[in-house]
PDB file of N, CA and C in Angstrom:
ATOM      1  N   MET A   1       1.032  -1.288  -0.203  1.00  0.00           N
ATOM      2  CA  MET A   1      -0.116   0.249   0.004  1.00  0.00           C
ATOM      3  C   MET A   1       0.941   1.616  -0.049  1.00  0.00           C
ATOM      4  N   ILE A   2       1.781   1.342  -0.723  1.00  0.00           N
ATOM      5  CA  ILE A   2       2.012   2.732  -1.480  1.00  0.00           C
ATOM      6  C   ILE A   2       1.084   3.690  -1.998  1.00  0.00           C
ATOM      7  N   TYR A   3       1.312   5.136  -1.311  1.00  0.00           N
ATOM      8  CA  TYR A   3      -0.172   5.944  -2.067  1.00  0.00           C
ATOM      9  C   TYR A   3       0.848   7.372  -1.866  1.00  0.00           C
ATOM     10  N   LYS A   4       1.647   7.591  -3.320  1.00  0.00           N
ATOM     11  CA  LYS A   4       2.291   9.084  -3.348  1.00  0.00           C
ATOM     12  C   LYS A   4       1.700   9.851  -3.821  1.00  0.00           C
ATOM     13  N   LYS A   5       1.227  10.089  -4.816  1.00  0.00           N
ATOM     14  CA  LYS A   5       0.173  10.400  -5.366  1.00  0.00           C
ATOM     15  C   LYS A   5      -1.373  10.129  -5.826  1.00  0.00           C
ATOM     16  N   ASP A   6      -1.198   9.098  -5.253  1.00  0.00           N
ATOM     17  CA  ASP A   6      -2.622   7.705  -6.008  1.00  0.00           C
ATOM     18  C   ASP A   6      -3.582   8.016  -5.083  1.00  0.00           C
ATOM     19  N   THR A   7      -4.333   9.181  -5.227  1.00  0.00           N
ATOM     20  CA  THR A   7      -5.619   8.959  -4.430  1.00  0.00           C
ATOM     21  C   THR A   7      -6.825   7.944  -4.667  1.00  0.00           C
ATOM     22  N   LYS A   8      -7.130   8.221  -5.981  1.00  0.00           N
ATOM     23  CA  LYS A   8      -8.028   7.211  -6.498  1.00  0.00           C
ATOM     24  C   LYS A   8      -7.145   5.741  -5.654  1.00  0.00           C
ATOM     25  N   ARG A   9      -6.258   5.550  -5.170  1.00  0.00           N
ATOM     26  CA  ARG A   9      -6.135   3.870  -4.707  1.00  0.00           C
ATOM     27  C   ARG A   9      -6.390   4.046  -3.215  1.00  0.00           C
ATOM     28  N   PHE A  10      -5.794   5.189  -3.091  1.00  0.00           N
ATOM     29  CA  PHE A  10      -5.724   5.323  -1.335  1.00  0.00           C
ATOM     30  C   PHE A  10      -7.475   4.867  -0.749  1.00  0.00           C
ATOM     31  N   THR A  11      -8.350   6.139  -1.753  1.00  0.00           N
ATOM     32  CA  THR A  11      -9.846   5.960  -1.503  1.00  0.00           C
ATOM     33  C   THR A  11     -10.147   4.598  -1.526  1.00  0.00           C
ATOM     34  N   ARG A  12     -10.112   3.942  -2.463  1.00  0.00           N
ATOM     35  CA  ARG A  12     -10.231   2.669  -3.065  1.00  0.00           C
ATOM     36  C   ARG A  12     -10.422   1.713  -1.323  1.00  0.00           C
ATOM     37  N   ASP A  13      -8.886   1.547  -0.670  1.00  0.00           N
ATOM     38  CA  ASP A  13      -8.619   0.629   0.084  1.00  0.00           C
ATOM     39  C   ASP A  13      -9.024   1.259   1.162  1.00  0.00           C
ATOM     40  N   PHE A  14      -8.937   2.491   1.576  1.00  0.00           N
ATOM     41  CA  PHE A  14     -10.212   2.898   2.744  1.00  0.00           C
ATOM     42  C   PHE A  14     -11.914   2.665   2.810  1.00  0.00           C
ATOM     43  N   ASP A  15     -12.157   2.422   1.402  1.00  0.00           N
ATOM     44  CA  ASP A  15     -13.879   1.653   1.568  1.00  0.00           C
ATOM     45  C   ASP A  15     -13.697   0.396   1.571  1.00  0.00           C
ATOM     46  N   GLU A  16     -12.545  -0.301   1.181  1.00  0.00           N
ATOM     47  CA  GLU A  16     -12.493  -1.177   1.595  1.00  0.00           C
ATOM     48  C   GLU A  16     -12.323  -2.131   2.846  1.00  0.00           C
ATOM     49  N   LEU A  17     -11.625  -1.454   3.166  1.00  0.00           N
ATOM     50  CA  LEU A  17     -11.295  -1.433   5.265  1.00  0.00           C
ATOM     51  C   LEU A  17     -12.434  -1.727   5.775  1.00  0.00           C
ATOM     52  N   LEU A  18     -13.160  -0.077   5.249  1.00  0.00           N
ATOM     53  CA  LEU A  18     -14.181  -0.146   6.036  1.00  0.00           C
ATOM     54  C   LEU A  18     -15.544  -0.538   5.761  1.00  0.00           C
ATOM     55  N   GLU A  19     -15.602  -1.226   4.747  1.00  0.00           N
ATOM     56  CA  GLU A  19     -16.278  -2.213   4.475  1.00  0.00           C
ATOM     57  C   GLU A  19     -16.601  -3.793   4.796  1.00  0.00           C
ATOM     58  N   MET A  20     -15.017  -3.989   5.081  1.00  0.00           N
ATOM     59  CA  MET A  20     -14.997  -5.318   5.953  1.00  0.00           C
ATOM     60  C   MET A  20     -14.929  -5.172   7.155  1.00  0.00           C
ATOM     61  N   SER A  21     -14.865  -3.617   7.690  1.00  0.00           N
ATOM     62  CA  SER A  21     -14.947  -3.768   8.947  1.00  0.00           C
ATOM     63  C   SER A  21     -16.483  -3.843   9.522  1.00  0.00           C
ATOM     64  N   ILE A  22     -17.006  -3.054   8.443  1.00  0.00           N
ATOM     65  CA  ILE A  22     -18.433  -3.368   9.267  1.00  0.00           C
ATOM     66  C   ILE A  22     -19.156  -4.814   8.812  1.00  0.00           C
ATOM     67  N   GLY A  23     -18.701  -5.710   7.717  1.00  0.00           N
ATOM     68  CA  GLY A  23     -19.185  -6.804   7.728  1.00  0.00           C
ATOM     69  C   GLY A  23     -18.793  -7.596   8.244  1.00  0.00           C
ATOM     70  N   ALA A  24     -17.531  -7.472   8.968  1.00  0.00           N
ATOM     71  CA  ALA A  24     -16.837  -8.674  10.243  1.00  0.00           C
ATOM     72  C   ALA A  24     -17.812  -8.176  11.824  1.00  0.00           C
ATOM     73  N   PHE A  25     -18.115  -7.391  11.829  1.00  0.00           N
ATOM     74  CA  PHE A  25     -18.534  -6.436  12.982  1.00  0.00           C
ATOM     75  C   PHE A  25     -19.533  -7.853  13.586  1.00  0.00           C
ATOM     76  N   ASP A  26     -20.512  -8.431  13.194  1.00  0.00           N
ATOM     77  CA  ASP A  26     -21.454  -9.401  14.132  1.00  0.00           C
ATOM     78  C   ASP A  26     -20.630 -10.604  13.747  1.00  0.00           C
ATOM     79  N   ALA A  27     -19.887 -10.536  13.418  1.00  0.00           N
ATOM     80  CA  ALA A  27     -18.828 -12.348  13.423  1.00  0.00           C
ATOM     81  C   ALA A  27     -17.666 -11.831  14.441  1.00  0.00           C
ATOM     82  N   ASP A  28     -16.732 -11.202  14.236  1.00  0.00           N
ATOM     83  CA  ASP A  28     -15.574 -10.828  15.387  1.00  0.00           C
ATOM     84  C   ASP A  28     -16.004  -9.033  15.097  1.00  0.00           C
ATOM     85  N   LYS A  29     -15.521  -8.870  16.739  1.00  0.00           N
ATOM     86  CA  LYS A  29     -15.805  -7.410  16.867  1.00  0.00           C
ATOM     87  C   LYS A  29     -14.208  -7.313  16.688  1.00  0.00           C
ATOM     88  N   GLU A  30     -13.083  -7.865  17.616  1.00  0.00           N
ATOM     89  CA  GLU A  30     -11.804  -8.020  17.609  1.00  0.00           C
ATOM     90  C   GLU A  30     -11.174  -7.352  16.287  1.00  0.00           C
ATOM     91  N   LEU A  31     -12.088  -8.445  15.195  1.00  0.00           N
ATOM     92  CA  LEU A  31     -11.063  -7.856  13.621  1.00  0.00           C
ATOM     93  C   LEU A  31     -11.884  -7.128  13.191  1.00  0.00           C
ATOM     94  N   SER A  32     -13.261  -6.841  13.183  1.00  0.00           N
ATOM     95  CA  SER A  32     -13.847  -5.467  12.908  1.00  0.00           C
ATOM     96  C   SER A  32     -13.021  -4.189  13.564  1.00  0.00           C
ATOM     97  N   ASP A  33     -12.535  -4.069  15.087  1.00  0.00           N
ATOM     98  CA  ASP A  33     -11.954  -2.851  15.603  1.00  0.00           C
ATOM     99  C   ASP A  33     -10.438  -2.471  14.585  1.00  0.00           C
ATOM    100  N   ARG A  34      -9.493  -3.695  14.701  1.00  0.00           N
ATOM    101  CA  ARG A  34      -8.396  -3.574  13.561  1.00  0.00           C
ATOM    102  C   ARG A  34      -8.429  -3.586  12.544  1.00  0.00           C
ATOM    103  N   TYR A  35     -10.230  -3.533  11.596  1.00  0.00           N
ATOM    104  CA  TYR A  35      -9.966  -3.290  10.636  1.00  0.00           C
ATOM    105  C   TYR A  35      -9.725  -1.827  10.324  1.00  0.00           C
ATOM    106  N   ALA A  36     -11.024  -1.166  11.088  1.00  0.00           N
ATOM    107  CA  ALA A  36     -11.009  -0.050  11.810  1.00  0.00           C
ATOM    108  C   ALA A  36      -9.882   0.903  11.865  1.00  0.00           C
ATOM    109  N   SER A  37      -9.216   0.367  12.820  1.00  0.00           N
ATOM    110  CA  SER A  37      -8.030   0.838  13.373  1.00  0.00           C
ATOM    111  C   SER A  37      -6.994   0.813  12.375  1.00  0.00           C
ATOM    112  N   ILE A  38      -6.863   0.221  11.382  1.00  0.00           N
ATOM    113  CA  ILE A  38      -5.840  -0.233   9.995  1.00  0.00           C
ATOM    114  C   ILE A  38      -6.221   1.490   9.403  1.00  0.00           C
ATOM    115  N   ALA A  39      -7.612   1.135   8.887  1.00  0.00           N
ATOM    116  CA  ALA A  39      -8.287   2.613   8.323  1.00  0.00           C
ATOM    117  C   ALA A  39      -8.025   4.188   8.550  1.00  0.00           C
ATOM    118  N   TYR A  40      -8.022   3.733  10.193  1.00  0.00           N
ATOM    119  CA  TYR A  40      -8.245   5.255  10.873  1.00  0.00           C
ATOM    120  C   TYR A  40      -6.379   5.739  10.486  1.00  0.00           C
ATOM    121  N   ASN A  41      -5.878   4.812  11.090  1.00  0.00           N
ATOM    122  CA  ASN A  41      -4.246   5.167  10.419  1.00  0.00           C
ATOM    123  C   ASN A  41      -3.601   5.688   9.230  1.00  0.00           C
ATOM    124  N   LEU A  42      -4.715   5.049   7.966  1.00  0.00           N
ATOM    125  CA  LEU A  42      -4.230   5.112   6.695  1.00  0.00           C
ATOM    126  C   LEU A  42      -5.134   6.494   6.401  1.00  0.00           C
ATOM    127  N   LEU A  43      -5.935   7.059   6.913  1.00  0.00           N
ATOM    128  CA  LEU A  43      -6.291   8.173   6.791  1.00  0.00           C
ATOM    129  C   LEU A  43      -5.907   9.418   7.500  1.00  0.00           C
ATOM    130  N   LYS A  44      -5.132   9.041   8.559  1.00  0.00           N
ATOM    131  CA  LYS A  44      -4.233  10.258   9.468  1.00  0.00           C
ATOM    132  C   LYS A  44      -2.804  10.394   8.443  1.00  0.00           C
ATOM    133  N   SER A  45      -2.662   9.346   8.226  1.00  0.00           N
ATOM    134  CA  SER A  45      -1.510   9.307   7.375  1.00  0.00           C
ATOM    135  C   SER A  45      -1.101  10.114   5.982  1.00  0.00           C
ATOM    136  N   LYS A  46      -2.287   9.977   5.400  1.00  0.00           N
ATOM    137  CA  LYS A  46      -2.055  10.659   3.350  1.00  0.00           C
ATOM    138  C   LYS A  46      -2.825  11.854   3.963  1.00  0.00           C
ATOM    139  N   LYS A  47      -2.703  12.440   2.757  1.00  0.00           N
ATOM    140  CA  LYS A  47      -3.684  14.007   3.042  1.00  0.00           C
ATOM    141  C   LYS A  47      -4.692  13.850   1.961  1.00  0.00           C
ATOM    142  N   ALA A  48      -4.987  12.095   0.925  1.00  0.00           N
ATOM    143  CA  ALA A  48      -6.118  12.451   0.949  1.00  0.00           C
ATOM    144  C   ALA A  48      -7.577  12.405   1.381  1.00  0.00           C
ATOM    145  N   ARG A  49      -8.427  12.960   1.199  1.00  0.00           N
ATOM    146  CA  ARG A  49      -9.993  12.847   1.907  1.00  0.00           C
ATOM    147  C   ARG A  49     -11.239  12.196   1.387  1.00  0.00           C
ATOM    148  N   PRO A  50     -11.360  11.556   2.407  1.00  0.00           N
ATOM    149  CA  PRO A  50     -12.679  10.238   1.559  1.00  0.00           C
ATOM    150  C   PRO A  50     -13.759  11.515   2.411  1.00  0.00           C
ATOM    151  N   GLU A  51     -14.593  10.531   1.066  1.00  0.00           N
ATOM    152  CA  GLU A  51     -16.247  11.258   1.621  1.00  0.00           C
ATOM    153  C   GLU A  51     -16.427  11.370   3.178  1.00  0.00           C
ATOM    154  N   ARG A  52     -17.515  12.542   3.300  1.00  0.00           N
ATOM    155  CA  ARG A  52     -17.236  12.860   4.919  1.00  0.00           C
ATOM    156  C   ARG A  52     -18.365  11.357   5.616  1.00  0.00           C
ATOM    157  N   ASN A  53     -19.077  10.887   5.049  1.00  0.00           N
ATOM    158  CA  ASN A  53     -20.068   9.698   5.784  1.00  0.00           C
ATOM    159  C   ASN A  53     -19.458   8.844   5.770  1.00  0.00           C
ATOM    160  N   LYS A  54     -18.226   8.224   5.065  1.00  0.00           N
ATOM    161  CA  LYS A  54     -17.605   7.272   5.310  1.00  0.00           C
ATOM    162  C   LYS A  54     -16.449   7.377   6.573  1.00  0.00           C
ATOM    163  N   LYS A  55     -16.337   8.800   6.937  1.00  0.00           N
ATOM    164  CA  LYS A  55     -14.847   9.338   7.338  1.00  0.00           C
ATOM    165  C   LYS A  55     -15.252   9.414   8.704  1.00  0.00           C
ATOM    166  N   VAL A  56     -17.048   9.663   9.224  1.00  0.00           N
ATOM    167  CA  VAL A  56     -17.529   9.472  10.568  1.00  0.00           C
ATOM    168  C   VAL A  56     -17.749   8.408  11.197  1.00  0.00           C
ATOM    169  N   LEU A  57     -17.563   7.330  10.264  1.00  0.00           N
ATOM    170  CA  LEU A  57     -18.028   6.027  10.863  1.00  0.00           C
ATOM    171  C   LEU A  57     -16.762   5.625  11.927  1.00  0.00           C
ATOM    172  N   ILE A  58     -15.383   6.406  11.788  1.00  0.00           N
ATOM    173  CA  ILE A  58     -14.668   5.471  12.756  1.00  0.00           C
ATOM    174  C   ILE A  58     -14.627   6.886  13.986  1.00  0.00           C
ATOM    175  N   CYS A  59     -14.677   6.689  15.159  1.00  0.00           N
ATOM    176  CA  CYS A  59     -14.246   6.760  16.517  1.00  0.00           C
ATOM    177  C   CYS A  59     -12.397   7.408  16.742  1.00  0.00           C
ATOM    178  N   LYS A  60     -12.443   8.905  16.525  1.00  0.00           N
ATOM    179  CA  LYS A  60     -11.239   9.447  16.492  1.00  0.00           C
ATOM    180  C   LYS A  60     -10.277   8.970  18.136  1.00  0.00           C
ATOM    181  N   ASN A  61     -11.220   8.854  18.817  1.00  0.00           N
ATOM    182  CA  ASN A  61     -10.731   8.657  20.188  1.00  0.00           C
ATOM    183  C   ASN A  61      -9.967   7.342  20.430  1.00  0.00           C
ATOM    184  N   CYS A  62     -11.102   6.426  19.768  1.00  0.00           N
ATOM    185  CA  CYS A  62     -10.501   4.850  20.316  1.00  0.00           C
ATOM    186  C   CYS A  62     -10.601   4.438  18.857  1.00  0.00           C
ATOM    187  N   THR A  63     -10.266   4.701  17.638  1.00  0.00           N
ATOM    188  CA  THR A  63     -10.165   4.038  16.763  1.00  0.00           C
ATOM    189  C   THR A  63     -10.923   2.918  16.317  1.00  0.00           C
ATOM    190  N   LYS A  64     -12.450   3.094  17.023  1.00  0.00           N
ATOM    191  CA  LYS A  64     -13.247   1.317  16.652  1.00  0.00           C
ATOM    192  C   LYS A  64     -14.361   1.980  15.910  1.00  0.00           C
ATOM    193  N   ILE A  65     -15.092   1.123  14.865  1.00  0.00           N
ATOM    194  CA  ILE A  65     -16.157   1.294  14.228  1.00  0.00           C
ATOM    195  C   ILE A  65     -17.486   1.901  15.018  1.00  0.00           C
ATOM    196  N   LEU A  66     -17.915   2.989  14.522  1.00  0.00           N
ATOM    197  CA  LEU A  66     -18.697   3.582  14.749  1.00  0.00           C
ATOM    198  C   LEU A  66     -20.264   3.251  14.075  1.00  0.00           C
ATOM    199  N   ILE A  67     -21.234   2.002  14.408  1.00  0.00           N
ATOM    200  CA  ILE A  67     -22.313   1.572  13.700  1.00  0.00           C
ATOM    201  C   ILE A  67     -23.507   2.159  14.249  1.00  0.00           C
ATOM    202  N   PRO A  68     -24.685   3.238  14.013  1.00  0.00           N
ATOM    203  CA  PRO A  68     -25.626   3.407  14.736  1.00  0.00           C
ATOM    204  C   PRO A  68     -26.362   2.175  15.449  1.00  0.00           C
ATOM    205  N   SER A  69     -26.827   2.868  16.710  1.00  0.00           N
ATOM    206  CA  SER A  69     -27.588   1.695  17.450  1.00  0.00           C
ATOM    207  C   SER A  69     -27.277   0.491  17.840  1.00  0.00           C
ATOM    208  N   LYS A  70     -25.125   0.412  17.482  1.00  0.00           N
ATOM    209  CA  LYS A  70     -24.692  -0.706  18.107  1.00  0.00           C
ATOM    210  C   LYS A  70     -23.469  -0.314  18.763  1.00  0.00           C
ATOM    211  N   THR A  71     -22.841   0.326  18.011  1.00  0.00           N
ATOM    212  CA  THR A  71     -22.026   1.259  19.019  1.00  0.00           C
ATOM    213  C   THR A  71     -21.477   3.131  19.121  1.00  0.00           C
ATOM    214  N   ALA A  72     -22.452   3.251  18.359  1.00  0.00           N
ATOM    215  CA  ALA A  72     -22.756   4.401  18.567  1.00  0.00           C
ATOM    216  C   ALA A  72     -24.297   4.660  18.938  1.00  0.00           C
ATOM    217  N   VAL A  73     -24.180   6.251  19.007  1.00  0.00           N
ATOM    218  CA  VAL A  73     -25.907   6.668  19.121  1.00  0.00           C
ATOM    219  C   VAL A  73     -25.757   7.789  18.338  1.00  0.00           C
ATOM    220  N   VAL A  74     -26.893   8.325  17.786  1.00  0.00           N
ATOM    221  CA  VAL A  74     -26.783   9.664  16.846  1.00  0.00           C
ATOM    222  C   VAL A  74     -28.016  10.158  16.774  1.00  0.00           C
ATOM    223  N   ARG A  75     -27.749  11.729  16.805  1.00  0.00           N
ATOM    224  CA  ARG A  75     -28.929  12.246  17.363  1.00  0.00           C
ATOM    225  C   ARG A  75     -28.706  13.587  16.161  1.00  0.00           C
ATOM    226  N   LEU A  76     -29.658  14.224  16.306  1.00  0.00           N
ATOM    227  CA  LEU A  76     -29.835  15.464  15.814  1.00  0.00           C
ATOM    228  C   LEU A  76     -30.039  16.746  16.786  1.00  0.00           C
ATOM    229  N   GLU A  77     -29.180  17.684  17.030  1.00  0.00           N
ATOM    230  CA  GLU A  77     -29.343  18.587  17.849  1.00  0.00           C
ATOM    231  C   GLU A  77     -29.046  19.970  17.570  1.00  0.00           C
ATOM    232  N   LYS A  78     -30.151  21.045  16.942  1.00  0.00           N
ATOM    233  CA  LYS A  78     -29.889  22.334  16.369  1.00  0.00           C
ATOM    234  C   LYS A  78     -28.517  22.157  15.274  1.00  0.00           C
ATOM    235  N   GLY A  79     -28.834  22.053  14.513  1.00  0.00           N
ATOM    236  CA  GLY A  79     -27.983  21.855  13.328  1.00  0.00           C
ATOM    237  C   GLY A  79     -26.379  21.006  13.722  1.00  0.00           C
ATOM    238  N   PHE A  80     -26.828  20.179  13.975  1.00  0.00           N
ATOM    239  CA  PHE A  80     -25.900  19.124  14.237  1.00  0.00           C
ATOM    240  C   PHE A  80     -25.669  17.937  14.251  1.00  0.00           C
ATOM    241  N   LEU A  81     -25.495  17.033  13.861  1.00  0.00           N
ATOM    242  CA  LEU A  81     -25.520  15.626  13.901  1.00  0.00           C
ATOM    243  C   LEU A  81     -24.694  15.083  14.779  1.00  0.00           C
ATOM    244  N   VAL A  82     -24.575  14.549  16.045  1.00  0.00           N
ATOM    245  CA  VAL A  82     -24.126  14.090  17.558  1.00  0.00           C
ATOM    246  C   VAL A  82     -24.349  12.500  16.938  1.00  0.00           C
ATOM    247  N   TYR A  83     -22.376  12.153  16.985  1.00  0.00           N
ATOM    248  CA  TYR A  83     -22.210  10.774  17.802  1.00  0.00           C
ATOM    249  C   TYR A  83     -21.485  10.600  18.584  1.00  0.00           C
ATOM    250  N   LYS A  84     -21.952   9.994  19.372  1.00  0.00           N
ATOM    251  CA  LYS A  84     -21.749   9.211  20.150  1.00  0.00           C
ATOM    252  C   LYS A  84     -20.537   7.969  20.297  1.00  0.00           C
ATOM    253  N   CYS A  85     -19.642   7.883  20.662  1.00  0.00           N
ATOM    254  CA  CYS A  85     -19.478   6.137  20.860  1.00  0.00           C
ATOM    255  C   CYS A  85     -19.705   5.816  21.891  1.00  0.00           C
ATOM    256  N   LEU A  86     -19.936   4.547  22.399  1.00  0.00           N
ATOM    257  CA  LEU A  86     -20.618   3.491  23.244  1.00  0.00           C
ATOM    258  C   LEU A  86     -19.520   2.694  23.416  1.00  0.00           C
ATOM    259  N   ASN A  87     -18.401   3.239  23.378  1.00  0.00           N
ATOM    260  CA  ASN A  87     -16.969   2.267  23.708  1.00  0.00           C
ATOM    261  C   ASN A  87     -16.171   3.135  24.554  1.00  0.00           C
ATOM    262  N   CYS A  88     -15.770   4.682  24.514  1.00  0.00           N
ATOM    263  CA  CYS A  88     -15.520   5.540  25.254  1.00  0.00           C
ATOM    264  C   CYS A  88     -15.662   6.682  25.673  1.00  0.00           C
ATOM    265  N   GLY A  89     -17.585   6.625  24.690  1.00  0.00           N
ATOM    266  CA  GLY A  89     -17.793   8.003  25.261  1.00  0.00           C
ATOM    267  C   GLY A  89     -17.490   9.409  24.453  1.00  0.00           C
ATOM    268  N   ASN A  90     -16.977   9.171  23.469  1.00  0.00           N
ATOM    269  CA  ASN A  90     -16.046  10.228  22.622  1.00  0.00           C
ATOM    270  C   ASN A  90     -17.564  10.922  21.786  1.00  0.00           C
ATOM    271  N   VAL A  91     -17.224  12.049  21.997  1.00  0.00           N
ATOM    272  CA  VAL A  91     -18.393  12.562  21.225  1.00  0.00           C
ATOM    273  C   VAL A  91     -18.037  13.731  19.996  1.00  0.00           C
ATOM    274  N   ARG A  92     -18.814  13.545  18.987  1.00  0.00           N
ATOM    275  CA  ARG A  92     -18.765  14.331  17.166  1.00  0.00           C
ATOM    276  C   ARG A  92     -19.515  15.031  16.709  1.00  0.00           C
ATOM    277  N   ARG A  93     -19.752  16.145  16.331  1.00  0.00           N
ATOM    278  CA  ARG A  93     -20.871  16.873  16.129  1.00  0.00           C
ATOM    279  C   ARG A  93     -20.352  17.110  15.065  1.00  0.00           C
ATOM    280  N   ILE A  94     -21.422  17.116  14.103  1.00  0.00           N
ATOM    281  CA  ILE A  94     -21.448  17.452  12.831  1.00  0.00           C
ATOM    282  C   ILE A  94     -21.766  18.528  12.234  1.00  0.00           C
ATOM    283  N   GLY A  95     -21.665  19.738  11.587  1.00  0.00           N
ATOM    284  CA  GLY A  95     -22.786  20.213  11.368  1.00  0.00           C
ATOM    285  C   GLY A  95     -23.944  20.429  10.076  1.00  0.00           C
ATOM    286  N   TYR A  96     -24.587  20.385   9.930  1.00  0.00           N
ATOM    287  CA  TYR A  96     -25.789  20.394   8.566  1.00  0.00           C
ATOM    288  C   TYR A  96     -26.495  21.281   8.165  1.00  0.00           C
ATOM    289  N   ASP A  97     -26.872  21.423   7.180  1.00  0.00           N
ATOM    290  CA  ASP A  97     -27.914  22.599   6.915  1.00  0.00           C
ATOM    291  C   ASP A  97     -29.224  22.498   7.260  1.00  0.00           C
ATOM    292  N   GLN A  98     -29.672  23.296   8.262  1.00  0.00           N
ATOM    293  CA  GLN A  98     -31.195  23.123   8.650  1.00  0.00           C
ATOM    294  C   GLN A  98     -32.226  22.907   7.788  1.00  0.00           C
ATOM    295  N   ARG A  99     -32.203  23.789   6.546  1.00  0.00           N
ATOM    296  CA  ARG A  99     -33.022  24.154   5.536  1.00  0.00           C
ATOM    297  C   ARG A  99     -32.959  22.645   4.797  1.00  0.00           C
ATOM    298  N   ILE A 100     -32.358  21.966   4.949  1.00  0.00           N
ATOM    299  CA  ILE A 100     -31.916  20.561   3.563  1.00  0.00           C
ATOM    300  C   ILE A 100     -33.015  19.829   4.623  1.00  0.00           C
ATOM    301  N   ARG A 101     -32.675  19.535   5.892  1.00  0.00           N
ATOM    302  CA  ARG A 101     -34.152  19.035   6.969  1.00  0.00           C
ATOM    303  C   ARG A 101     -35.415  19.117   6.456  1.00  0.00           C
ATOM    304  N   ARG A 102     -35.533  20.645   6.424  1.00  0.00           N
ATOM    305  CA  ARG A 102     -37.082  21.046   6.035  1.00  0.00           C
ATOM    306  C   ARG A 102     -37.873  20.929   4.845  1.00  0.00           C
ATOM    307  N   LYS A 103     -36.608  20.490   4.172  1.00  0.00           N
ATOM    308  CA  LYS A 103     -37.763  20.433   2.706  1.00  0.00           C
ATOM    309  C   LYS A 103     -38.250  19.597   2.342  1.00  0.00           C
ATOM    310  N   SER A 104     -38.510  18.315   3.317  1.00  0.00           N
ATOM    311  CA  SER A 104     -39.456  17.264   3.233  1.00  0.00           C
ATOM    312  C   SER A 104     -40.789  17.416   3.842  1.00  0.00           C
ATOM    313  N   ASP A 105     -40.767  18.663   4.735  1.00  0.00           N
ATOM    314  CA  ASP A 105     -42.417  19.242   5.345  1.00  0.00           C
ATOM    315  C   ASP A 105     -43.252  19.523   4.672  1.00  0.00           C
TER     316      ASP A 105
END
């Protein structure tokens, strides 16, 4: 896995590790956490940026996978999407535009 300027390859490998982590969660949680940790370290070491919705699936504090209702609590609070890790208690707030939410009304 050598990525100098090959961002497509980086994002592909990051996506694969994330999918493997989510897929292995029910069978083996330790293996799933290891895949998530490798994906996070890969993300931290490179300057390429994956999509935001994939990046938030890994806890910054304990580097474990965040699966809503299994390892994370997800709430909406005044313009923020709040992820709380059930493993370490770390809270991540991600801003969103409230006008987008109100379009469905």
